[in-house]
Amino acid sequence: FNTYTMAWFRQTPGKEREEREFVAAIRGNNDSTYSSDSVKG
């Protein structure tokens, strides 16, 4: 938990697994967070 990068993705019907959309991520060890423009804010 404390060292791995963890992320959220989302998938809509008709899309393949490889087409999952990145939503947000949090970096292990320093808690920096990143999010997609579509959900920022």
PDB file of all heavy atoms in Angstrom:
ATOM      1  N   PHE A   1       0.799  -1.221   0.000  1.00  0.00           N
ATOM      2  CA  PHE A   1       0.000   0.000   0.000  1.00  0.00           C
ATOM      3  C   PHE A   1       0.835   1.275   0.000  1.00  0.00           C
ATOM      4  O   PHE A   1       0.559   2.201  -0.750  1.00  0.00           O
ATOM      5  CB  PHE A   1      -0.939  -0.009   1.202  1.00  0.00           C
ATOM      6  CG  PHE A   1      -1.845   1.183   1.246  1.00  0.00           C
ATOM      7  CD1 PHE A   1      -2.952   1.256   0.428  1.00  0.00           C
ATOM      8  CD2 PHE A   1      -1.570   2.257   2.081  1.00  0.00           C
ATOM      9  CE1 PHE A   1      -3.778   2.364   0.440  1.00  0.00           C
ATOM     10  CE2 PHE A   1      -2.385   3.366   2.106  1.00  0.00           C
ATOM     11  CZ  PHE A   1      -3.500   3.416   1.285  1.00  0.00           C
ATOM     12  N   ASN A   2       1.847   1.341   0.815  1.00  0.00           N
ATOM     13  CA  ASN A   2       2.563   2.609   0.976  1.00  0.00           C
ATOM     14  C   ASN A   2       3.646   2.852  -0.061  1.00  0.00           C
ATOM     15  O   ASN A   2       4.218   3.938  -0.105  1.00  0.00           O
ATOM     16  CB  ASN A   2       3.179   2.677   2.372  1.00  0.00           C
ATOM     17  CG  ASN A   2       2.129   2.907   3.438  1.00  0.00           C
ATOM     18  OD1 ASN A   2       1.180   3.654   3.235  1.00  0.00           O
ATOM     19  ND2 ASN A   2       2.288   2.257   4.574  1.00  0.00           N
ATOM     20  N   THR A   3       3.930   1.868  -0.875  1.00  0.00           N
ATOM     21  CA  THR A   3       4.994   2.038  -1.860  1.00  0.00           C
ATOM     22  C   THR A   3       4.509   1.972  -3.304  1.00  0.00           C
ATOM     23  O   THR A   3       5.117   2.573  -4.179  1.00  0.00           O
ATOM     24  CB  THR A   3       6.084   0.983  -1.662  1.00  0.00           C
ATOM     25  OG1 THR A   3       5.488  -0.326  -1.740  1.00  0.00           O
ATOM     26  CG2 THR A   3       6.751   1.152  -0.296  1.00  0.00           C
ATOM     27  N   TYR A   4       3.444   1.266  -3.561  1.00  0.00           N
ATOM     28  CA  TYR A   4       2.956   1.124  -4.911  1.00  0.00           C
ATOM     29  C   TYR A   4       2.172   2.356  -5.353  1.00  0.00           C
ATOM     30  O   TYR A   4       1.529   3.032  -4.552  1.00  0.00           O
ATOM     31  CB  TYR A   4       2.026  -0.087  -5.023  1.00  0.00           C
ATOM     32  CG  TYR A   4       2.725  -1.425  -5.177  1.00  0.00           C
ATOM     33  CD1 TYR A   4       3.961  -1.673  -4.612  1.00  0.00           C
ATOM     34  CD2 TYR A   4       2.113  -2.455  -5.897  1.00  0.00           C
ATOM     35  CE1 TYR A   4       4.576  -2.914  -4.756  1.00  0.00           C
ATOM     36  CE2 TYR A   4       2.715  -3.690  -6.045  1.00  0.00           C
ATOM     37  CZ  TYR A   4       3.954  -3.913  -5.469  1.00  0.00           C
ATOM     38  OH  TYR A   4       4.555  -5.136  -5.621  1.00  0.00           O
ATOM     39  N   THR A   5       2.185   2.611  -6.643  1.00  0.00           N
ATOM     40  CA  THR A   5       1.295   3.589  -7.254  1.00  0.00           C
ATOM     41  C   THR A   5      -0.105   2.989  -7.297  1.00  0.00           C
ATOM     42  O   THR A   5      -0.276   1.821  -7.670  1.00  0.00           O
ATOM     43  CB  THR A   5       1.751   3.904  -8.680  1.00  0.00           C
ATOM     44  OG1 THR A   5       3.022   4.540  -8.624  1.00  0.00           O
ATOM     45  CG2 THR A   5       0.744   4.804  -9.387  1.00  0.00           C
ATOM     46  N   MET A   6      -1.090   3.773  -6.936  1.00  0.00           N
ATOM     47  CA  MET A   6      -2.469   3.315  -7.037  1.00  0.00           C
ATOM     48  C   MET A   6      -3.244   4.293  -7.907  1.00  0.00           C
ATOM     49  O   MET A   6      -2.986   5.501  -7.883  1.00  0.00           O
ATOM     50  CB  MET A   6      -3.091   3.184  -5.657  1.00  0.00           C
ATOM     51  CG  MET A   6      -2.396   2.127  -4.801  1.00  0.00           C
ATOM     52  SD  MET A   6      -3.336   1.612  -3.380  1.00  0.00           S
ATOM     53  CE  MET A   6      -4.693   0.729  -4.154  1.00  0.00           C
ATOM     54  N   ALA A   7      -4.180   3.758  -8.664  1.00  0.00           N
ATOM     55  CA  ALA A   7      -4.891   4.585  -9.629  1.00  0.00           C
ATOM     56  C   ALA A   7      -6.343   4.139  -9.776  1.00  0.00           C
ATOM     57  O   ALA A   7      -6.702   3.019  -9.415  1.00  0.00           O
ATOM     58  CB  ALA A   7      -4.196   4.507 -10.986  1.00  0.00           C
ATOM     59  N   TRP A   8      -7.133   5.046 -10.316  1.00  0.00           N
ATOM     60  CA  TRP A   8      -8.510   4.756 -10.696  1.00  0.00           C
ATOM     61  C   TRP A   8      -8.640   4.924 -12.206  1.00  0.00           C
ATOM     62  O   TRP A   8      -8.142   5.912 -12.775  1.00  0.00           O
ATOM     63  CB  TRP A   8      -9.479   5.697 -10.006  1.00  0.00           C
ATOM     64  CG  TRP A   8      -9.649   5.458  -8.544  1.00  0.00           C
ATOM     65  CD1 TRP A   8      -9.014   6.115  -7.518  1.00  0.00           C
ATOM     66  CD2 TRP A   8     -10.502   4.491  -7.912  1.00  0.00           C
ATOM     67  NE1 TRP A   8      -9.422   5.624  -6.305  1.00  0.00           N
ATOM     68  CE2 TRP A   8     -10.335   4.621  -6.518  1.00  0.00           C
ATOM     69  CE3 TRP A   8     -11.383   3.535  -8.396  1.00  0.00           C
ATOM     70  CZ2 TRP A   8     -11.031   3.829  -5.596  1.00  0.00           C
ATOM     71  CZ3 TRP A   8     -12.078   2.743  -7.488  1.00  0.00           C
ATOM     72  CH2 TRP A   8     -11.901   2.894  -6.108  1.00  0.00           C
ATOM     73  N   PHE A   9      -9.307   3.963 -12.811  1.00  0.00           N
ATOM     74  CA  PHE A   9      -9.669   4.023 -14.216  1.00  0.00           C
ATOM     75  C   PHE A   9     -11.171   3.787 -14.322  1.00  0.00           C
ATOM     76  O   PHE A   9     -11.793   3.291 -13.392  1.00  0.00           O
ATOM     77  CB  PHE A   9      -8.952   2.921 -15.010  1.00  0.00           C
ATOM     78  CG  PHE A   9      -7.479   3.151 -15.204  1.00  0.00           C
ATOM     79  CD1 PHE A   9      -6.566   2.889 -14.196  1.00  0.00           C
ATOM     80  CD2 PHE A   9      -6.995   3.634 -16.418  1.00  0.00           C
ATOM     81  CE1 PHE A   9      -5.202   3.100 -14.382  1.00  0.00           C
ATOM     82  CE2 PHE A   9      -5.643   3.847 -16.612  1.00  0.00           C
ATOM     83  CZ  PHE A   9      -4.746   3.579 -15.593  1.00  0.00           C
ATOM     84  N   ARG A  10     -11.721   4.123 -15.468  1.00  0.00           N
ATOM     85  CA  ARG A  10     -13.135   3.826 -15.689  1.00  0.00           C
ATOM     86  C   ARG A  10     -13.341   3.299 -17.104  1.00  0.00           C
ATOM     87  O   ARG A  10     -12.597   3.641 -18.015  1.00  0.00           O
ATOM     88  CB  ARG A  10     -14.007   5.044 -15.422  1.00  0.00           C
ATOM     89  CG  ARG A  10     -13.766   6.235 -16.299  1.00  0.00           C
ATOM     90  CD  ARG A  10     -14.574   7.437 -15.780  1.00  0.00           C
ATOM     91  NE  ARG A  10     -14.429   8.603 -16.632  1.00  0.00           N
ATOM     92  CZ  ARG A  10     -14.924   9.811 -16.344  1.00  0.00           C
ATOM     93  NH1 ARG A  10     -15.596  10.000 -15.213  1.00  0.00           N
ATOM     94  NH2 ARG A  10     -14.768  10.816 -17.178  1.00  0.00           N
ATOM     95  N   GLN A  11     -14.376   2.463 -17.217  1.00  0.00           N
ATOM     96  CA  GLN A  11     -14.662   1.814 -18.498  1.00  0.00           C
ATOM     97  C   GLN A  11     -16.154   1.887 -18.764  1.00  0.00           C
ATOM     98  O   GLN A  11     -16.979   1.587 -17.902  1.00  0.00           O
ATOM     99  CB  GLN A  11     -14.218   0.347 -18.430  1.00  0.00           C
ATOM    100  CG  GLN A  11     -14.380  -0.435 -19.712  1.00  0.00           C
ATOM    101  CD  GLN A  11     -13.821  -1.852 -19.593  1.00  0.00           C
ATOM    102  OE1 GLN A  11     -13.238  -2.240 -18.570  1.00  0.00           O
ATOM    103  NE2 GLN A  11     -13.971  -2.652 -20.630  1.00  0.00           N
ATOM    104  N   THR A  12     -16.489   2.296 -19.981  1.00  0.00           N
ATOM    105  CA  THR A  12     -17.887   2.376 -20.397  1.00  0.00           C
ATOM    106  C   THR A  12     -18.212   1.219 -21.338  1.00  0.00           C
ATOM    107  O   THR A  12     -17.310   0.644 -21.965  1.00  0.00           O
ATOM    108  CB  THR A  12     -18.165   3.718 -21.079  1.00  0.00           C
ATOM    109  OG1 THR A  12     -17.207   3.912 -22.132  1.00  0.00           O
ATOM    110  CG2 THR A  12     -18.035   4.861 -20.090  1.00  0.00           C
ATOM    111  N   PRO A  13     -19.503   0.891 -21.449  1.00  0.00           N
ATOM    112  CA  PRO A  13     -19.906  -0.223 -22.316  1.00  0.00           C
ATOM    113  C   PRO A  13     -19.422  -0.043 -23.748  1.00  0.00           C
ATOM    114  O   PRO A  13     -19.457   1.076 -24.288  1.00  0.00           O
ATOM    115  CB  PRO A  13     -21.436  -0.176 -22.242  1.00  0.00           C
ATOM    116  CG  PRO A  13     -21.724   0.436 -20.927  1.00  0.00           C
ATOM    117  CD  PRO A  13     -20.651   1.448 -20.713  1.00  0.00           C
ATOM    118  N   GLY A  14     -18.964  -1.137 -24.320  1.00  0.00           N
ATOM    119  CA  GLY A  14     -18.474  -1.103 -25.685  1.00  0.00           C
ATOM    120  C   GLY A  14     -16.987  -0.837 -25.795  1.00  0.00           C
ATOM    121  O   GLY A  14     -16.406  -0.992 -26.868  1.00  0.00           O
ATOM    122  N   LYS A  15     -16.387  -0.426 -24.714  1.00  0.00           N
ATOM    123  CA  LYS A  15     -14.943  -0.192 -24.715  1.00  0.00           C
ATOM    124  C   LYS A  15     -14.215  -1.437 -24.219  1.00  0.00           C
ATOM    125  O   LYS A  15     -14.683  -2.136 -23.326  1.00  0.00           O
ATOM    126  CB  LYS A  15     -14.588   0.990 -23.813  1.00  0.00           C
ATOM    127  CG  LYS A  15     -15.111   2.341 -24.295  1.00  0.00           C
ATOM    128  CD  LYS A  15     -14.361   2.813 -25.511  1.00  0.00           C
ATOM    129  CE  LYS A  15     -14.819   4.187 -25.968  1.00  0.00           C
ATOM    130  NZ  LYS A  15     -14.416   5.244 -25.047  1.00  0.00           N
ATOM    131  N   GLU A  16     -13.055  -1.672 -24.755  1.00  0.00           N
ATOM    132  CA  GLU A  16     -12.235  -2.800 -24.328  1.00  0.00           C
ATOM    133  C   GLU A  16     -11.444  -2.428 -23.073  1.00  0.00           C
ATOM    134  O   GLU A  16     -11.279  -1.230 -22.758  1.00  0.00           O
ATOM    135  CB  GLU A  16     -11.269  -3.196 -25.447  1.00  0.00           C
ATOM    136  CG  GLU A  16     -11.940  -3.620 -26.741  1.00  0.00           C
ATOM    137  CD  GLU A  16     -12.709  -4.919 -26.574  1.00  0.00           C
ATOM    138  OE1 GLU A  16     -12.307  -5.747 -25.731  1.00  0.00           O
ATOM    139  OE2 GLU A  16     -13.721  -5.107 -27.288  1.00  0.00           O
ATOM    140  N   ARG A  17     -10.938  -3.453 -22.416  1.00  0.00           N
ATOM    141  CA  ARG A  17     -10.139  -3.229 -21.217  1.00  0.00           C
ATOM    142  C   ARG A  17      -9.004  -2.246 -21.466  1.00  0.00           C
ATOM    143  O   ARG A  17      -8.715  -1.382 -20.658  1.00  0.00           O
ATOM    144  CB  ARG A  17      -9.567  -4.571 -20.750  1.00  0.00           C
ATOM    145  CG  ARG A  17      -8.607  -4.490 -19.571  1.00  0.00           C
ATOM    146  CD  ARG A  17      -7.922  -5.810 -19.339  1.00  0.00           C
ATOM    147  NE  ARG A  17      -6.894  -5.733 -18.313  1.00  0.00           N
ATOM    148  CZ  ARG A  17      -7.034  -6.162 -17.089  1.00  0.00           C
ATOM    149  NH1 ARG A  17      -8.166  -6.714 -16.707  1.00  0.00           N
ATOM    150  NH2 ARG A  17      -6.049  -6.067 -16.205  1.00  0.00           N
ATOM    151  N   GLU A  18      -8.351  -2.377 -22.611  1.00  0.00           N
ATOM    152  CA  GLU A  18      -7.205  -1.519 -22.930  1.00  0.00           C
ATOM    153  C   GLU A  18      -7.613  -0.063 -23.154  1.00  0.00           C
ATOM    154  O   GLU A  18      -6.751   0.824 -23.211  1.00  0.00           O
ATOM    155  CB  GLU A  18      -6.489  -2.037 -24.186  1.00  0.00           C
ATOM    156  CG  GLU A  18      -5.804  -3.396 -24.006  1.00  0.00           C
ATOM    157  CD  GLU A  18      -6.774  -4.558 -23.926  1.00  0.00           C
ATOM    158  OE1 GLU A  18      -7.928  -4.414 -24.364  1.00  0.00           O
ATOM    159  OE2 GLU A  18      -6.368  -5.621 -23.400  1.00  0.00           O
ATOM    160  N   GLU A  19      -8.923   0.159 -23.307  1.00  0.00           N
ATOM    161  CA  GLU A  19      -9.423   1.500 -23.540  1.00  0.00           C
ATOM    162  C   GLU A  19      -9.955   2.162 -22.267  1.00  0.00           C
ATOM    163  O   GLU A  19     -10.592   3.217 -22.342  1.00  0.00           O
ATOM    164  CB  GLU A  19     -10.538   1.447 -24.582  1.00  0.00           C
ATOM    165  CG  GLU A  19     -10.075   0.966 -25.946  1.00  0.00           C
ATOM    166  CD  GLU A  19     -11.239   0.826 -26.913  1.00  0.00           C
ATOM    167  OE1 GLU A  19     -12.017  -0.151 -26.781  1.00  0.00           O
ATOM    168  OE2 GLU A  19     -11.371   1.686 -27.797  1.00  0.00           O
ATOM    169  N   ARG A  20      -9.711   1.555 -21.158  1.00  0.00           N
ATOM    170  CA  ARG A  20     -10.129   2.183 -19.906  1.00  0.00           C
ATOM    171  C   ARG A  20      -9.515   3.558 -19.798  1.00  0.00           C
ATOM    172  O   ARG A  20      -8.340   3.763 -20.137  1.00  0.00           O
ATOM    173  CB  ARG A  20      -9.725   1.310 -18.720  1.00  0.00           C
ATOM    174  CG  ARG A  20     -10.533   0.030 -18.610  1.00  0.00           C
ATOM    175  CD  ARG A  20     -10.063  -0.871 -17.474  1.00  0.00           C
ATOM    176  NE  ARG A  20     -10.884  -2.080 -17.432  1.00  0.00           N
ATOM    177  CZ  ARG A  20     -10.642  -3.121 -16.635  1.00  0.00           C
ATOM    178  NH1 ARG A  20      -9.616  -3.098 -15.788  1.00  0.00           N
ATOM    179  NH2 ARG A  20     -11.443  -4.164 -16.675  1.00  0.00           N
ATOM    180  N   GLU A  21     -10.317   4.485 -19.293  1.00  0.00           N
ATOM    181  CA  GLU A  21      -9.897   5.878 -19.180  1.00  0.00           C
ATOM    182  C   GLU A  21      -9.251   6.140 -17.828  1.00  0.00           C
ATOM    183  O   GLU A  21      -9.828   5.813 -16.781  1.00  0.00           O
ATOM    184  CB  GLU A  21     -11.102   6.807 -19.351  1.00  0.00           C
ATOM    185  CG  GLU A  21     -10.768   8.280 -19.220  1.00  0.00           C
ATOM    186  CD  GLU A  21     -12.024   9.151 -19.166  1.00  0.00           C
ATOM    187  OE1 GLU A  21     -13.138   8.593 -19.186  1.00  0.00           O
ATOM    188  OE2 GLU A  21     -11.874  10.380 -19.084  1.00  0.00           O
ATOM    189  N   PHE A  22      -8.086   6.729 -17.859  1.00  0.00           N
ATOM    190  CA  PHE A  22      -7.426   7.124 -16.626  1.00  0.00           C
ATOM    191  C   PHE A  22      -8.241   8.212 -15.930  1.00  0.00           C
ATOM    192  O   PHE A  22      -8.686   9.174 -16.563  1.00  0.00           O
ATOM    193  CB  PHE A  22      -6.024   7.642 -16.942  1.00  0.00           C
ATOM    194  CG  PHE A  22      -5.339   8.290 -15.766  1.00  0.00           C
ATOM    195  CD1 PHE A  22      -4.725   7.510 -14.797  1.00  0.00           C
ATOM    196  CD2 PHE A  22      -5.311   9.665 -15.635  1.00  0.00           C
ATOM    197  CE1 PHE A  22      -4.098   8.106 -13.717  1.00  0.00           C
ATOM    198  CE2 PHE A  22      -4.684  10.269 -14.570  1.00  0.00           C
ATOM    199  CZ  PHE A  22      -4.087   9.493 -13.601  1.00  0.00           C
ATOM    200  N   VAL A  23      -8.402   8.073 -14.628  1.00  0.00           N
ATOM    201  CA  VAL A  23      -9.139   9.061 -13.843  1.00  0.00           C
ATOM    202  C   VAL A  23      -8.203   9.797 -12.888  1.00  0.00           C
ATOM    203  O   VAL A  23      -8.145  11.024 -12.889  1.00  0.00           O
ATOM    204  CB  VAL A  23     -10.278   8.400 -13.047  1.00  0.00           C
ATOM    205  CG1 VAL A  23     -10.978   9.420 -12.158  1.00  0.00           C
ATOM    206  CG2 VAL A  23     -11.277   7.738 -13.992  1.00  0.00           C
ATOM    207  N   ALA A  24      -7.488   9.043 -12.067  1.00  0.00           N
ATOM    208  CA  ALA A  24      -6.614   9.668 -11.066  1.00  0.00           C
ATOM    209  C   ALA A  24      -5.605   8.646 -10.579  1.00  0.00           C
ATOM    210  O   ALA A  24      -5.807   7.442 -10.702  1.00  0.00           O
ATOM    211  CB  ALA A  24      -7.423  10.210  -9.897  1.00  0.00           C
ATOM    212  N   ALA A  25      -4.504   9.156 -10.015  1.00  0.00           N
ATOM    213  CA  ALA A  25      -3.476   8.295  -9.448  1.00  0.00           C
ATOM    214  C   ALA A  25      -2.856   8.969  -8.242  1.00  0.00           C
ATOM    215  O   ALA A  25      -2.850  10.203  -8.130  1.00  0.00           O
ATOM    216  CB  ALA A  25      -2.398   7.970 -10.477  1.00  0.00           C
ATOM    217  N   ILE A  26      -2.336   8.133  -7.348  1.00  0.00           N
ATOM    218  CA  ILE A  26      -1.600   8.633  -6.193  1.00  0.00           C
ATOM    219  C   ILE A  26      -0.309   7.850  -6.102  1.00  0.00           C
ATOM    220  O   ILE A  26      -0.292   6.616  -6.200  1.00  0.00           O
ATOM    221  CB  ILE A  26      -2.441   8.546  -4.899  1.00  0.00           C
ATOM    222  CG1 ILE A  26      -1.743   9.280  -3.753  1.00  0.00           C
ATOM    223  CG2 ILE A  26      -2.755   7.099  -4.524  1.00  0.00           C
ATOM    224  CD1 ILE A  26      -2.676   9.548  -2.568  1.00  0.00           C
ATOM    225  N   ARG A  27       0.754   8.583  -5.938  1.00  0.00           N
ATOM    226  CA  ARG A  27       2.074   7.973  -5.969  1.00  0.00           C
ATOM    227  C   ARG A  27       2.442   7.422  -4.608  1.00  0.00           C
ATOM    228  O   ARG A  27       2.202   8.088  -3.586  1.00  0.00           O
ATOM    229  CB  ARG A  27       3.078   9.052  -6.399  1.00  0.00           C
ATOM    230  CG  ARG A  27       4.464   8.575  -6.608  1.00  0.00           C
ATOM    231  CD  ARG A  27       5.291   9.708  -7.196  1.00  0.00           C
ATOM    232  NE  ARG A  27       6.676   9.309  -7.380  1.00  0.00           N
ATOM    233  CZ  ARG A  27       7.607  10.058  -7.931  1.00  0.00           C
ATOM    234  NH1 ARG A  27       7.292  11.277  -8.370  1.00  0.00           N
ATOM    235  NH2 ARG A  27       8.822   9.617  -8.070  1.00  0.00           N
ATOM    236  N   GLY A  28       3.013   6.241  -4.600  1.00  0.00           N
ATOM    237  CA  GLY A  28       3.492   5.665  -3.358  1.00  0.00           C
ATOM    238  C   GLY A  28       4.644   6.485  -2.806  1.00  0.00           C
ATOM    239  O   GLY A  28       5.340   7.162  -3.544  1.00  0.00           O
ATOM    240  N   ASN A  29       4.848   6.440  -1.539  1.00  0.00           N
ATOM    241  CA  ASN A  29       5.976   7.076  -0.851  1.00  0.00           C
ATOM    242  C   ASN A  29       5.880   8.588  -0.680  1.00  0.00           C
ATOM    243  O   ASN A  29       6.506   9.127   0.231  1.00  0.00           O
ATOM    244  CB  ASN A  29       7.302   6.758  -1.542  1.00  0.00           C
ATOM    245  CG  ASN A  29       7.667   5.301  -1.389  1.00  0.00           C
ATOM    246  OD1 ASN A  29       7.353   4.669  -0.386  1.00  0.00           O
ATOM    247  ND2 ASN A  29       8.311   4.745  -2.404  1.00  0.00           N
ATOM    248  N   ASN A  30       5.143   9.290  -1.574  1.00  0.00           N
ATOM    249  CA  ASN A  30       5.085  10.729  -1.340  1.00  0.00           C
ATOM    250  C   ASN A  30       3.698  11.326  -1.501  1.00  0.00           C
ATOM    251  O   ASN A  30       3.524  12.514  -1.342  1.00  0.00           O
ATOM    252  CB  ASN A  30       6.091  11.484  -2.215  1.00  0.00           C
ATOM    253  CG  ASN A  30       5.698  11.504  -3.676  1.00  0.00           C
ATOM    254  OD1 ASN A  30       4.603  11.115  -4.047  1.00  0.00           O
ATOM    255  ND2 ASN A  30       6.594  11.980  -4.520  1.00  0.00           N
ATOM    256  N   ASP A  31       2.704  10.502  -1.837  1.00  0.00           N
ATOM    257  CA  ASP A  31       1.300  10.925  -1.877  1.00  0.00           C
ATOM    258  C   ASP A  31       0.989  11.997  -2.913  1.00  0.00           C
ATOM    259  O   ASP A  31      -0.049  12.654  -2.822  1.00  0.00           O
ATOM    260  CB  ASP A  31       0.835  11.426  -0.504  1.00  0.00           C
ATOM    261  CG  ASP A  31       0.568  10.255   0.434  1.00  0.00           C
ATOM    262  OD1 ASP A  31       0.630   9.105  -0.014  1.00  0.00           O
ATOM    263  OD2 ASP A  31       0.297  10.514   1.622  1.00  0.00           O
ATOM    264  N   SER A  32       1.832  12.208  -3.862  1.00  0.00           N
ATOM    265  CA  SER A  32       1.487  13.127  -4.949  1.00  0.00           C
ATOM    266  C   SER A  32       0.307  12.557  -5.715  1.00  0.00           C
ATOM    267  O   SER A  32       0.245  11.353  -5.972  1.00  0.00           O
ATOM    268  CB  SER A  32       2.668  13.292  -5.902  1.00  0.00           C
ATOM    269  OG  SER A  32       3.752  13.884  -5.246  1.00  0.00           O
ATOM    270  N   THR A  33      -0.636  13.423  -6.076  1.00  0.00           N
ATOM    271  CA  THR A  33      -1.821  12.969  -6.796  1.00  0.00           C
ATOM    272  C   THR A  33      -1.899  13.614  -8.170  1.00  0.00           C
ATOM    273  O   THR A  33      -1.388  14.719  -8.384  1.00  0.00           O
ATOM    274  CB  THR A  33      -3.110  13.272  -6.019  1.00  0.00           C
ATOM    275  OG1 THR A  33      -3.190  14.680  -5.782  1.00  0.00           O
ATOM    276  CG2 THR A  33      -3.125  12.540  -4.695  1.00  0.00           C
ATOM    277  N   TYR A  34      -2.532  12.904  -9.079  1.00  0.00           N
ATOM    278  CA  TYR A  34      -2.680  13.342 -10.450  1.00  0.00           C
ATOM    279  C   TYR A  34      -4.098  12.989 -10.887  1.00  0.00           C
ATOM    280  O   TYR A  34      -4.639  11.969 -10.464  1.00  0.00           O
ATOM    281  CB  TYR A  34      -1.673  12.634 -11.347  1.00  0.00           C
ATOM    282  CG  TYR A  34      -0.241  12.759 -10.868  1.00  0.00           C
ATOM    283  CD1 TYR A  34       0.243  11.918  -9.866  1.00  0.00           C
ATOM    284  CD2 TYR A  34       0.606  13.726 -11.374  1.00  0.00           C
ATOM    285  CE1 TYR A  34       1.539  12.037  -9.398  1.00  0.00           C
ATOM    286  CE2 TYR A  34       1.912  13.846 -10.919  1.00  0.00           C
ATOM    287  CZ  TYR A  34       2.367  13.002  -9.934  1.00  0.00           C
ATOM    288  OH  TYR A  34       3.655  13.125  -9.465  1.00  0.00           O
ATOM    289  N   SER A  35      -4.697  13.812 -11.729  1.00  0.00           N
ATOM    290  CA  SER A  35      -6.030  13.492 -12.220  1.00  0.00           C
ATOM    291  C   SER A  35      -6.177  13.935 -13.666  1.00  0.00           C
ATOM    292  O   SER A  35      -5.425  14.796 -14.152  1.00  0.00           O
ATOM    293  CB  SER A  35      -7.095  14.149 -11.347  1.00  0.00           C
ATOM    294  OG  SER A  35      -6.932  15.538 -11.322  1.00  0.00           O
ATOM    295  N   SER A  36      -7.141  13.347 -14.333  1.00  0.00           N
ATOM    296  CA  SER A  36      -7.375  13.706 -15.729  1.00  0.00           C
ATOM    297  C   SER A  36      -8.072  15.059 -15.814  1.00  0.00           C
ATOM    298  O   SER A  36      -8.736  15.492 -14.866  1.00  0.00           O
ATOM    299  CB  SER A  36      -8.227  12.632 -16.396  1.00  0.00           C
ATOM    300  OG  SER A  36      -9.532  12.638 -15.863  1.00  0.00           O
ATOM    301  N   ASP A  37      -7.962  15.684 -16.934  1.00  0.00           N
ATOM    302  CA  ASP A  37      -8.597  16.992 -17.126  1.00  0.00           C
ATOM    303  C   ASP A  37     -10.116  16.889 -17.014  1.00  0.00           C
ATOM    304  O   ASP A  37     -10.771  17.832 -16.577  1.00  0.00           O
ATOM    305  CB  ASP A  37      -8.208  17.557 -18.492  1.00  0.00           C
ATOM    306  CG  ASP A  37      -6.770  18.007 -18.526  1.00  0.00           C
ATOM    307  OD1 ASP A  37      -6.158  18.178 -17.458  1.00  0.00           O
ATOM    308  OD2 ASP A  37      -6.249  18.175 -19.650  1.00  0.00           O
ATOM    309  N   SER A  38     -10.680  15.748 -17.387  1.00  0.00           N
ATOM    310  CA  SER A  38     -12.131  15.606 -17.387  1.00  0.00           C
ATOM    311  C   SER A  38     -12.732  15.586 -15.983  1.00  0.00           C
ATOM    312  O   SER A  38     -13.930  15.820 -15.824  1.00  0.00           O
ATOM    313  CB  SER A  38     -12.528  14.334 -18.139  1.00  0.00           C
ATOM    314  OG  SER A  38     -12.007  13.180 -17.488  1.00  0.00           O
ATOM    315  N   VAL A  39     -11.922  15.306 -14.984  1.00  0.00           N
ATOM    316  CA  VAL A  39     -12.444  15.247 -13.617  1.00  0.00           C
ATOM    317  C   VAL A  39     -11.780  16.245 -12.683  1.00  0.00           C
ATOM    318  O   VAL A  39     -12.179  16.372 -11.517  1.00  0.00           O
ATOM    319  CB  VAL A  39     -12.297  13.825 -13.017  1.00  0.00           C
ATOM    320  CG1 VAL A  39     -12.943  12.787 -13.929  1.00  0.00           C
ATOM    321  CG2 VAL A  39     -10.832  13.484 -12.758  1.00  0.00           C
ATOM    322  N   LYS A  40     -10.794  16.951 -13.189  1.00  0.00           N
ATOM    323  CA  LYS A  40     -10.057  17.887 -12.333  1.00  0.00           C
ATOM    324  C   LYS A  40     -11.011  18.936 -11.764  1.00  0.00           C
ATOM    325  O   LYS A  40     -11.851  19.483 -12.466  1.00  0.00           O
ATOM    326  CB  LYS A  40      -8.944  18.544 -13.139  1.00  0.00           C
ATOM    327  CG  LYS A  40      -7.856  19.182 -12.300  1.00  0.00           C
ATOM    328  CD  LYS A  40      -6.603  19.392 -13.136  1.00  0.00           C
ATOM    329  CE  LYS A  40      -5.940  18.078 -13.495  1.00  0.00           C
ATOM    330  NZ  LYS A  40      -4.658  18.260 -14.215  1.00  0.00           N
ATOM    331  N   GLY A  41     -10.888  19.169 -10.473  1.00  0.00           N
ATOM    332  CA  GLY A  41     -11.767  20.128  -9.814  1.00  0.00           C
ATOM    333  C   GLY A  41     -13.027  19.499  -9.264  1.00  0.00           C
ATOM    334  O   GLY A  41     -13.742  20.122  -8.463  1.00  0.00           O
TER     335      GLY A  41
END
